[in-house]
Amino acid sequence: MDEAEIKVAFVSNLNGTTLTEVSLGCFLAPLCFISRGLFILMFHLNKGVLPLSSSAHLLLDFALLITPLVLSCTILSDILHWVIIVITVADVCAISLLYSNKNKRPASYRSLIDSFEHSHVESKVVPFVTAFRVLVNVKTAISILAVDFSVFPRRYAKTETYGTGVMDFGVGAYVMANAMVCPEARGKKVQGSKLSHLAKQLFSVWPLVVLGFVRLASVKSSGYHEHVTEYGLHWNFFFTLAIVRVVASAILAMFPINISWLLSLLISGAYQVVLETTDLKRFLTQNAERSSFVQANKEGIFSVVGYVAVYMAGVQVGVYLMQTRTLVKDWIRVLWKLLLGSFGLWVALHACQTHIEPVSRRMANLPFCLWTIAQSLFFLSCLGLADIALLFAKVVSNFSAVSASWNPRRHSETEQKIRSKLDALCLIQSVSRNQLLFFLLANVMTGLTNILVDTLKSNDFFAVCVLLSYMFINSLIIFILHVNNITIKFW
């Protein structure tokens, strides 16, 4: 076999990991998010001057947010539970220290909690939704290169036909992340006729279509290795994103947005019925001849149905989260409902896997949709709880200027100025500003790295160094654009 065939074999015929291990990974990013905020609070309380230099803030965010995610899916993957425990203990100790410094009398704890629950929060957006979108993007960027190195556990990679790999969840979560902030979820009204609205949506996805064709041309011309059973011979994820967006917009133009959850269930359920009652499942899972366009790209074409269902569910979640709420207790209630929804979907997933079939990212079947939505709600809940914990730390420390998180309603003008400066030097805000560019940059850098580095023969230490360098370059470019207030959007 030549080098390309060896690399394809390296990422093929995999069965994934357990649902529990994928869920365990959802704790790490929120804990890192808290750690970053607590570090800034502790630094300020110890008479540190904020903001730091732009390079110092970039290094701080990279060290506390990106580096742990790289290490968790490489050299620390087998002891991930211990990593999570250690960071949790450290964060709890830091919050306890902040509380004890403010409150010398234990009797004040109950009144402080009650006051905190009834306090007001201020934010133009929902911070943990932004964090969700950014961290899904970051994890995707890490995984698409890390999977080509042997240090990346094979159980985390995309599965062949059935199974739950970490990268399988990443694909579905990326669709969910886009859906939660789509114009419909944010309450934007359809301007003009429905036909003209659909035409606008068709036009709006042209960058994705162009990127899809650019990726197709570059892969075919360079001889870059292709995992055909992932999307097909000519298909790629950019095409999937474009078609899902257009189809979902057409559906939402015809039906009320508040029944998006029902449409999601009907689409995924009907698709599963077709898989069970026709030859479609056998057609999708058999590695037969790929002579026609449909045969050549069957995985990409038919999985669009499942991703549309995931997208519709994401729209419903977005509609719910974008409602105006000002009290902390209201957001705690929201997180509780997200957790309940996640639990209900886990139960439904267990029933489907027991009586129908396992999760299949390749087909994007009903169990895949249920798993993706359940896991996304759980990850959202973890990020929301992290934001609440950080908000509590802000309240007890009397300092609110931590970027990418909620602000207490009452804060000084000086803190507001510091917060604005920190927002301008925040890596989370940097990626949030240019998310599609970051994703594109990660894809380009992945291709270049595979050309320059023999990933299969790299030892673990070298692989981690390459991954950290790759993520730092991606982060640096996107950070420079943000610091200079540049948004790359030409559509």
Protein backbone atom coordinates (compact mmCIF):
# COMPACT_ATOMS: atom_id res chain seq x y z
CA MET A 1 0.00 0.00 0.00
CA ASP A 2 1.14 3.56 -0.68
CA GLU A 3 1.20 6.21 2.06
CA ALA A 4 -2.31 7.51 1.33
CA GLU A 5 -3.81 4.00 1.56
CA ILE A 6 -1.98 3.38 4.84
CA LYS A 7 -3.40 6.59 6.30
CA VAL A 8 -6.91 5.67 5.15
CA ALA A 9 -6.57 2.24 6.77
CA PHE A 10 -5.40 3.97 9.97
CA VAL A 11 -8.72 5.85 10.33
CA SER A 12 -11.00 3.10 8.95
CA ASN A 13 -12.97 0.20 10.46
CA LEU A 14 -13.18 1.74 13.95
CA ASN A 15 -15.95 1.15 16.49
CA GLY A 16 -15.68 4.16 18.81
CA THR A 17 -15.84 4.28 22.58
CA THR A 18 -18.53 4.16 25.27
CA LEU A 19 -21.22 6.77 25.79
CA THR A 20 -19.82 7.30 29.28
CA GLU A 21 -16.34 8.23 28.05
CA VAL A 22 -17.72 10.73 25.54
CA SER A 23 -19.84 12.28 28.30
CA LEU A 24 -16.84 12.40 30.64
CA GLY A 25 -15.01 14.55 28.12
CA CYS A 26 -17.79 17.14 28.35
CA PHE A 27 -16.62 18.10 31.86
CA LEU A 28 -13.10 19.17 30.91
CA ALA A 29 -13.77 22.27 28.78
CA PRO A 30 -16.20 23.85 31.32
CA LEU A 31 -13.68 23.24 34.12
CA CYS A 32 -10.94 24.89 32.05
CA PHE A 33 -13.32 27.79 31.40
CA ILE A 34 -13.83 28.24 35.17
CA SER A 35 -10.09 27.95 35.82
CA ARG A 36 -9.36 30.73 33.36
CA GLY A 37 -11.89 33.05 35.02
CA LEU A 38 -10.72 32.20 38.53
CA PHE A 39 -7.10 32.88 37.55
CA ILE A 40 -8.07 36.39 36.41
CA LEU A 41 -10.04 36.99 39.63
CA MET A 42 -7.21 35.76 41.87
CA PHE A 43 -4.68 37.79 39.91
CA HIS A 44 -6.75 40.95 40.40
CA LEU A 45 -7.33 40.33 44.10
CA ASN A 46 -3.58 39.93 44.56
CA LYS A 47 -3.11 43.47 43.23
CA GLY A 48 -2.40 42.44 39.65
CA VAL A 49 -3.05 45.08 37.01
CA LEU A 50 -5.55 44.24 34.28
CA PRO A 51 -5.55 44.02 31.35
CA LEU A 52 -2.22 42.34 30.71
CA SER A 53 -0.41 42.69 27.41
CA SER A 54 -2.10 41.16 24.36
CA SER A 55 0.55 38.42 24.11
CA ALA A 56 0.11 37.56 27.81
CA HIS A 57 -3.66 37.18 27.40
CA LEU A 58 -3.20 35.01 24.32
CA LEU A 59 -0.75 32.76 26.15
CA LEU A 60 -3.01 32.62 29.21
CA ASP A 61 -6.07 31.58 27.20
CA PHE A 62 -4.05 29.13 25.14
CA ALA A 63 -2.51 27.54 28.24
CA LEU A 64 -5.77 27.24 30.19
CA LEU A 65 -8.28 26.55 27.40
CA ILE A 66 -6.53 24.97 24.41
CA THR A 67 -3.59 23.04 25.88
CA PRO A 68 -5.70 20.88 28.27
CA LEU A 69 -8.00 19.92 25.37
CA VAL A 70 -5.02 18.88 23.24
CA LEU A 71 -3.47 16.84 26.05
CA SER A 72 -6.81 15.25 27.01
CA CYS A 73 -7.17 13.57 23.62
CA THR A 74 -3.53 12.53 23.38
CA ILE A 75 -1.12 11.66 26.20
CA LEU A 76 -3.65 12.17 29.02
CA SER A 77 -6.58 10.34 27.41
CA ASP A 78 -6.18 7.24 29.60
CA ILE A 79 -6.21 9.24 32.85
CA LEU A 80 -8.81 11.82 31.81
CA HIS A 81 -10.92 11.13 34.90
CA TRP A 82 -7.99 12.04 37.17
CA VAL A 83 -7.33 15.22 35.21
CA ILE A 84 -10.97 16.23 35.69
CA ILE A 85 -10.87 15.43 39.41
CA VAL A 86 -7.68 17.47 39.95
CA ILE A 87 -9.01 20.52 38.08
CA THR A 88 -12.36 20.27 39.91
CA VAL A 89 -10.64 20.23 43.31
CA ALA A 90 -8.47 23.19 42.32
CA ASP A 91 -11.49 25.21 41.12
CA VAL A 92 -13.53 24.41 44.23
CA CYS A 93 -10.62 25.44 46.47
CA ALA A 94 -10.23 28.70 44.57
CA ILE A 95 -13.94 29.57 44.86
CA SER A 96 -13.89 28.63 48.57
CA LEU A 97 -10.89 30.89 49.09
CA LEU A 98 -12.66 33.79 47.38
CA TYR A 99 -15.74 33.18 49.53
CA SER A 100 -13.81 32.91 52.80
CA ASN A 101 -11.95 36.15 52.08
CA LYS A 102 -15.26 37.98 51.64
CA ASN A 103 -17.30 36.27 54.36
CA LYS A 104 -15.67 35.63 57.70
CA ARG A 105 -18.90 34.41 59.31
CA PRO A 106 -20.26 31.02 58.13
CA ALA A 107 -23.81 32.13 59.04
CA SER A 108 -23.85 34.49 56.06
CA TYR A 109 -23.61 31.62 53.55
CA ARG A 110 -27.35 30.98 53.27
CA SER A 111 -28.24 34.63 52.83
CA LEU A 112 -25.47 35.02 50.24
CA ILE A 113 -26.82 32.12 48.18
CA ASP A 114 -30.37 33.47 48.39
CA SER A 115 -29.18 36.92 47.37
CA PHE A 116 -27.16 35.41 44.51
CA GLU A 117 -30.16 33.48 43.15
CA HIS A 118 -32.26 36.65 43.06
CA SER A 119 -29.54 38.84 41.61
CA HIS A 120 -29.67 40.16 38.05
CA VAL A 121 -27.32 39.29 35.23
CA GLU A 122 -26.37 41.42 32.29
CA SER A 123 -25.33 40.21 28.87
CA LYS A 124 -26.30 40.96 25.29
CA VAL A 125 -25.90 37.29 24.40
CA VAL A 126 -26.03 34.00 26.29
CA PRO A 127 -22.36 33.47 27.20
CA PHE A 128 -22.44 29.69 27.52
CA VAL A 129 -24.00 29.37 24.05
CA THR A 130 -21.05 31.33 22.66
CA ALA A 131 -18.68 29.12 24.65
CA PHE A 132 -20.41 26.01 23.32
CA ARG A 133 -20.00 27.11 19.71
CA VAL A 134 -16.38 28.14 20.19
CA LEU A 135 -15.32 25.03 22.10
CA VAL A 136 -17.01 22.69 19.61
CA ASN A 137 -15.05 24.51 16.90
CA VAL A 138 -11.80 24.25 18.86
CA LYS A 139 -12.29 20.55 19.64
CA THR A 140 -13.07 19.90 15.97
CA ALA A 141 -9.91 21.72 14.90
CA ILE A 142 -7.82 19.64 17.30
CA SER A 143 -9.38 16.33 16.28
CA ILE A 144 -9.14 16.65 12.50
CA LEU A 145 -5.35 16.75 12.73
CA ALA A 146 -4.83 14.68 15.88
CA VAL A 147 -6.65 11.70 14.35
CA ASP A 148 -3.78 11.25 11.88
CA PHE A 149 -1.30 10.66 14.74
CA SER A 150 -1.01 7.40 16.66
CA VAL A 151 -1.08 9.32 19.97
CA PHE A 152 -4.77 10.03 19.31
CA PRO A 153 -6.77 7.05 20.66
CA ARG A 154 -8.43 5.09 17.86
CA ARG A 155 -11.59 4.84 19.97
CA TYR A 156 -12.01 8.63 19.70
CA ALA A 157 -11.95 8.64 15.89
CA LYS A 158 -14.98 8.47 13.60
CA THR A 159 -16.60 5.08 13.50
CA GLU A 160 -16.96 3.05 10.32
CA THR A 161 -20.64 2.07 10.46
CA TYR A 162 -21.86 1.81 14.05
CA GLY A 163 -20.49 3.22 17.29
CA THR A 164 -19.93 6.42 19.23
CA GLY A 165 -16.59 8.09 18.66
CA VAL A 166 -15.72 11.51 20.07
CA MET A 167 -15.34 12.82 16.52
CA ASP A 168 -18.78 11.47 15.63
CA PHE A 169 -20.27 13.68 18.33
CA GLY A 170 -18.18 16.61 17.11
CA VAL A 171 -19.80 16.51 13.67
CA GLY A 172 -23.33 16.54 15.10
CA ALA A 173 -22.47 19.16 17.70
CA TYR A 174 -21.13 21.44 14.98
CA VAL A 175 -24.53 21.31 13.26
CA MET A 176 -26.29 21.95 16.59
CA ALA A 177 -24.00 24.91 17.29
CA ASN A 178 -24.90 26.56 13.99
CA ALA A 179 -28.61 25.92 14.45
CA MET A 180 -28.85 27.50 17.91
CA VAL A 181 -27.86 30.93 16.61
CA CYS A 182 -29.48 30.85 13.16
CA PRO A 183 -31.67 33.86 12.25
CA GLU A 184 -34.87 31.92 12.95
CA ALA A 185 -33.72 30.92 16.45
CA ARG A 186 -32.78 34.55 17.17
CA GLY A 187 -36.29 35.68 16.26
CA LYS A 188 -35.56 37.39 12.95
CA LYS A 189 -38.71 37.77 10.87
CA VAL A 190 -38.93 36.59 7.26
CA GLN A 191 -38.61 39.67 5.04
CA GLY A 192 -40.72 39.63 1.86
CA SER A 193 -42.25 36.48 0.40
CA LYS A 194 -41.25 33.00 1.46
CA LEU A 195 -39.87 32.37 -2.02
CA SER A 196 -37.58 35.39 -1.84
CA HIS A 197 -36.52 34.35 1.67
CA LEU A 198 -35.55 30.92 0.38
CA ALA A 199 -33.63 32.53 -2.49
CA LYS A 200 -31.69 34.61 0.05
CA GLN A 201 -30.84 31.48 2.03
CA LEU A 202 -29.65 29.76 -1.13
CA PHE A 203 -27.38 32.70 -1.83
CA SER A 204 -26.14 32.94 1.78
CA VAL A 205 -24.55 29.48 1.70
CA TRP A 206 -22.42 30.12 -1.38
CA PRO A 207 -19.22 30.39 0.72
CA LEU A 208 -19.82 26.86 2.03
CA VAL A 209 -20.43 25.55 -1.48
CA VAL A 210 -17.26 27.25 -2.76
CA LEU A 211 -15.25 25.88 0.16
CA GLY A 212 -16.66 22.44 -0.55
CA PHE A 213 -15.49 22.57 -4.16
CA VAL A 214 -12.11 24.01 -3.16
CA ARG A 215 -11.61 21.17 -0.69
CA LEU A 216 -12.71 18.62 -3.30
CA ALA A 217 -10.29 20.01 -5.91
CA SER A 218 -7.38 20.24 -3.47
CA VAL A 219 -7.90 16.69 -2.17
CA LYS A 220 -8.15 15.19 -5.66
CA SER A 221 -5.20 17.12 -7.07
CA SER A 222 -2.85 16.56 -4.13
CA GLY A 223 -3.56 12.85 -3.63
CA TYR A 224 -4.50 13.56 0.00
CA HIS A 225 -5.87 10.48 1.76
CA GLU A 226 -9.67 10.11 1.69
CA HIS A 227 -11.86 8.03 3.98
CA VAL A 228 -14.52 7.33 1.33
CA THR A 229 -17.12 5.81 3.68
CA GLU A 230 -17.17 9.05 5.69
CA TYR A 231 -19.07 11.15 3.12
CA GLY A 232 -18.35 9.57 -0.27
CA LEU A 233 -16.00 10.14 -3.20
CA HIS A 234 -16.89 13.76 -3.95
CA TRP A 235 -18.86 14.88 -0.90
CA ASN A 236 -17.53 16.67 2.19
CA PHE A 237 -18.84 18.35 5.32
CA PHE A 238 -19.02 21.80 3.70
CA PHE A 239 -21.64 20.50 1.24
CA THR A 240 -23.58 18.94 4.11
CA LEU A 241 -23.61 22.22 6.07
CA ALA A 242 -24.82 24.16 3.01
CA ILE A 243 -27.66 21.80 2.13
CA VAL A 244 -28.79 21.39 5.74
CA ARG A 245 -29.00 25.17 6.11
CA VAL A 246 -31.08 25.63 2.95
CA VAL A 247 -33.42 22.70 3.63
CA ALA A 248 -33.97 23.77 7.24
CA SER A 249 -34.71 27.34 6.16
CA ALA A 250 -37.31 26.06 3.67
CA ILE A 251 -38.96 23.95 6.38
CA LEU A 252 -38.95 26.82 8.89
CA ALA A 253 -40.52 29.12 6.30
CA MET A 254 -43.48 26.74 6.02
CA PHE A 255 -43.98 25.69 9.65
CA PRO A 256 -44.10 27.57 12.99
CA ILE A 257 -40.71 27.71 14.63
CA ASN A 258 -42.10 26.61 18.01
CA ILE A 259 -42.73 23.10 16.65
CA SER A 260 -39.14 22.62 15.47
CA TRP A 261 -38.69 19.85 18.05
CA LEU A 262 -41.69 17.99 16.61
CA LEU A 263 -40.38 18.39 13.05
CA SER A 264 -37.03 17.07 14.20
CA LEU A 265 -38.70 13.99 15.68
CA LEU A 266 -40.85 13.40 12.60
CA ILE A 267 -37.92 13.75 10.18
CA SER A 268 -35.58 11.46 12.12
CA GLY A 269 -38.37 8.98 12.89
CA ALA A 270 -39.56 8.80 9.27
CA TYR A 271 -35.96 8.39 8.09
CA GLN A 272 -35.46 5.49 10.50
CA VAL A 273 -38.67 3.85 9.27
CA VAL A 274 -37.37 4.06 5.70
CA LEU A 275 -34.05 2.54 6.79
CA GLU A 276 -35.85 -0.35 8.47
CA THR A 277 -38.45 -1.06 5.79
CA THR A 278 -36.46 -0.64 2.58
CA ASP A 279 -33.07 -1.62 1.18
CA LEU A 280 -31.63 1.81 1.97
CA LYS A 281 -29.72 0.62 5.05
CA ARG A 282 -28.05 -2.20 3.10
CA PHE A 283 -27.28 0.24 0.28
CA LEU A 284 -25.59 2.66 2.68
CA THR A 285 -23.58 0.13 4.66
CA GLN A 286 -22.34 -2.16 1.89
CA ASN A 287 -19.06 -1.23 0.22
CA ALA A 288 -20.36 -1.91 -3.28
CA GLU A 289 -19.39 -0.37 -6.60
CA ARG A 290 -19.61 3.44 -6.74
CA SER A 291 -20.39 3.98 -10.42
CA SER A 292 -23.14 6.64 -10.30
CA PHE A 293 -23.00 9.96 -8.44
CA VAL A 294 -25.52 8.78 -5.83
CA GLN A 295 -23.62 5.52 -5.26
CA ALA A 296 -20.33 7.40 -5.04
CA ASN A 297 -21.63 9.85 -2.42
CA LYS A 298 -24.40 7.88 -0.74
CA GLU A 299 -23.18 8.52 2.84
CA GLY A 300 -23.03 12.28 2.37
CA ILE A 301 -26.30 12.56 0.48
CA PHE A 302 -28.54 10.46 2.73
CA SER A 303 -27.00 11.51 6.05
CA VAL A 304 -28.23 15.03 5.27
CA VAL A 305 -31.68 13.88 6.44
CA GLY A 306 -30.39 13.09 9.92
CA TYR A 307 -28.41 16.32 10.12
CA VAL A 308 -31.53 18.32 9.16
CA ALA A 309 -33.30 16.67 12.11
CA VAL A 310 -30.40 17.61 14.40
CA TYR A 311 -30.48 21.15 13.03
CA MET A 312 -34.21 21.50 13.70
CA ALA A 313 -33.68 20.36 17.29
CA GLY A 314 -30.87 22.91 17.61
CA VAL A 315 -33.21 25.66 16.41
CA GLN A 316 -35.70 24.71 19.13
CA VAL A 317 -32.97 24.82 21.77
CA GLY A 318 -31.84 28.20 20.44
CA VAL A 319 -35.36 29.63 20.58
CA TYR A 320 -35.64 28.53 24.21
CA LEU A 321 -32.24 29.88 25.25
CA MET A 322 -32.62 33.24 23.48
CA GLN A 323 -35.64 34.23 25.58
CA THR A 324 -35.00 37.24 27.81
CA ARG A 325 -34.12 36.32 31.39
CA THR A 326 -32.45 38.55 33.94
CA LEU A 327 -32.44 36.62 37.24
CA VAL A 328 -29.83 34.02 38.14
CA LYS A 329 -32.53 31.68 39.45
CA ASP A 330 -34.23 31.77 36.03
CA TRP A 331 -31.03 30.58 34.34
CA ILE A 332 -30.55 27.88 36.97
CA ARG A 333 -34.05 26.67 36.10
CA VAL A 334 -33.09 26.67 32.39
CA LEU A 335 -30.03 24.54 33.07
CA TRP A 336 -32.13 22.13 35.13
CA LYS A 337 -34.55 21.75 32.20
CA LEU A 338 -31.65 21.19 29.78
CA LEU A 339 -30.37 18.41 32.03
CA LEU A 340 -33.84 16.85 32.24
CA GLY A 341 -34.17 17.02 28.47
CA SER A 342 -30.78 15.39 28.09
CA PHE A 343 -31.74 12.61 30.50
CA GLY A 344 -34.99 11.96 28.64
CA LEU A 345 -33.13 11.67 25.36
CA TRP A 346 -30.60 9.28 26.91
CA VAL A 347 -33.51 7.05 27.94
CA ALA A 348 -34.93 7.20 24.41
CA LEU A 349 -31.47 6.44 23.00
CA HIS A 350 -31.14 3.38 25.23
CA ALA A 351 -34.51 2.11 23.98
CA CYS A 352 -33.53 2.68 20.35
CA GLN A 353 -30.17 0.97 20.71
CA THR A 354 -31.82 -1.97 22.45
CA HIS A 355 -34.76 -2.47 20.11
CA ILE A 356 -33.78 -0.90 16.76
CA GLU A 357 -30.06 -0.41 16.05
CA PRO A 358 -26.96 1.29 17.46
CA VAL A 359 -25.79 4.82 16.72
CA SER A 360 -24.51 5.28 13.17
CA ARG A 361 -22.83 8.52 12.14
CA ARG A 362 -22.42 7.07 8.65
CA MET A 363 -26.20 6.93 8.15
CA ALA A 364 -27.09 9.69 10.67
CA ASN A 365 -29.90 7.43 11.87
CA LEU A 366 -32.43 8.10 14.65
CA PRO A 367 -30.11 6.87 17.45
CA PHE A 368 -27.37 9.19 16.13
CA CYS A 369 -29.77 12.15 16.22
CA LEU A 370 -30.91 11.31 19.76
CA TRP A 371 -27.32 10.87 20.94
CA THR A 372 -26.10 14.09 19.35
CA ILE A 373 -28.91 16.17 20.84
CA ALA A 374 -28.66 14.52 24.27
CA GLN A 375 -24.89 14.95 24.39
CA SER A 376 -25.13 18.56 23.17
CA LEU A 377 -27.69 19.43 25.86
CA PHE A 378 -25.45 17.85 28.48
CA PHE A 379 -22.41 19.80 27.26
CA LEU A 380 -24.47 23.01 27.19
CA SER A 381 -25.62 22.33 30.75
CA CYS A 382 -22.04 21.81 31.94
CA LEU A 383 -20.95 25.09 30.33
CA GLY A 384 -23.96 26.88 31.83
CA LEU A 385 -23.17 25.55 35.30
CA ALA A 386 -19.56 26.66 34.82
CA ASP A 387 -20.79 30.14 33.94
CA ILE A 388 -23.03 30.23 37.03
CA ALA A 389 -20.09 29.11 39.22
CA LEU A 390 -17.88 31.80 37.72
CA LEU A 391 -20.61 34.41 38.22
CA PHE A 392 -20.79 33.38 41.90
CA ALA A 393 -17.02 33.81 42.17
CA LYS A 394 -17.38 37.29 40.64
CA VAL A 395 -20.06 38.24 43.16
CA VAL A 396 -18.12 37.08 46.22
CA SER A 397 -14.91 38.73 44.99
CA ASN A 398 -16.62 42.04 44.12
CA PHE A 399 -14.95 42.06 40.71
CA SER A 400 -16.88 41.31 37.56
CA ALA A 401 -14.44 42.04 34.73
CA VAL A 402 -13.96 38.53 33.33
CA SER A 403 -14.60 38.21 29.62
CA ALA A 404 -16.88 35.72 27.83
CA SER A 405 -19.12 35.21 30.88
CA TRP A 406 -22.08 36.80 32.62
CA ASN A 407 -21.77 40.13 34.40
CA PRO A 408 -23.60 40.97 37.62
CA ARG A 409 -26.04 43.82 36.96
CA ARG A 410 -24.24 46.05 39.45
CA HIS A 411 -20.67 46.81 38.53
CA SER A 412 -18.57 49.93 38.49
CA GLU A 413 -17.71 51.99 35.44
CA THR A 414 -14.05 51.09 35.95
CA GLU A 415 -14.87 47.37 35.87
CA GLN A 416 -16.92 47.90 32.71
CA LYS A 417 -13.93 49.52 31.01
CA ILE A 418 -11.65 46.67 32.10
CA ARG A 419 -14.22 44.14 30.88
CA SER A 420 -14.33 45.81 27.45
CA LYS A 421 -10.54 45.68 27.21
CA LEU A 422 -10.49 42.02 28.28
CA ASP A 423 -13.15 41.18 25.67
CA ALA A 424 -10.86 42.68 23.04
CA LEU A 425 -8.04 40.37 24.21
CA CYS A 426 -10.08 37.19 24.69
CA LEU A 427 -9.39 34.07 22.63
CA ILE A 428 -12.99 32.86 23.02
CA GLN A 429 -14.27 36.13 21.57
CA SER A 430 -11.62 35.90 18.84
CA VAL A 431 -12.85 32.53 17.60
CA SER A 432 -16.48 33.59 18.03
CA ARG A 433 -15.92 36.60 15.76
CA ASN A 434 -14.53 34.52 12.85
CA GLN A 435 -15.79 30.98 13.41
CA LEU A 436 -16.04 29.89 9.78
CA LEU A 437 -12.59 31.31 9.07
CA PHE A 438 -11.17 29.42 12.06
CA PHE A 439 -12.72 26.17 10.80
CA LEU A 440 -11.39 26.80 7.28
CA LEU A 441 -7.95 27.69 8.62
CA ALA A 442 -7.86 24.47 10.65
CA ASN A 443 -8.68 22.44 7.53
CA VAL A 444 -5.95 24.15 5.49
CA MET A 445 -3.38 23.75 8.28
CA THR A 446 -4.34 20.08 8.67
CA GLY A 447 -3.61 19.47 4.99
CA LEU A 448 -0.30 21.33 5.12
CA THR A 449 0.78 19.48 8.26
CA ASN A 450 0.04 16.12 6.66
CA ILE A 451 2.17 17.11 3.67
CA LEU A 452 5.10 18.26 5.80
CA VAL A 453 4.97 15.67 8.60
CA ASP A 454 4.88 11.87 8.49
CA THR A 455 2.10 11.62 11.06
CA LEU A 456 2.06 7.82 11.33
CA LYS A 457 5.76 7.57 12.20
CA SER A 458 5.78 10.47 14.67
CA ASN A 459 6.41 9.59 18.32
CA ASP A 460 3.98 10.81 20.98
CA PHE A 461 6.09 13.75 22.19
CA PHE A 462 6.66 15.08 18.68
CA ALA A 463 2.99 14.61 17.80
CA VAL A 464 1.84 16.65 20.81
CA CYS A 465 4.36 19.39 19.96
CA VAL A 466 3.05 19.51 16.39
CA LEU A 467 -0.57 19.67 17.60
CA LEU A 468 0.19 22.46 20.08
CA SER A 469 2.10 24.41 17.42
CA TYR A 470 -0.73 23.92 14.91
CA MET A 471 -3.36 25.13 17.38
CA PHE A 472 -1.20 28.06 18.46
CA ILE A 473 -0.77 29.23 14.86
CA ASN A 474 -4.53 28.95 14.27
CA SER A 475 -5.21 30.80 17.53
CA LEU A 476 -2.61 33.49 16.82
CA ILE A 477 -4.03 34.34 13.39
CA ILE A 478 -7.59 34.53 14.65
CA PHE A 479 -6.47 36.50 17.74
CA ILE A 480 -4.62 39.10 15.63
CA LEU A 481 -7.74 39.64 13.54
CA HIS A 482 -9.84 40.12 16.68
CA VAL A 483 -7.40 42.53 18.34
CA ASN A 484 -7.51 44.62 15.17
CA ASN A 485 -11.33 44.44 15.12
CA ILE A 486 -11.40 42.58 11.78
CA THR A 487 -14.30 40.30 10.87
CA ILE A 488 -13.83 38.23 7.72
CA LYS A 489 -17.33 38.01 6.31
CA PHE A 490 -17.90 38.83 2.66
CA TRP A 491 -21.36 37.28 2.16
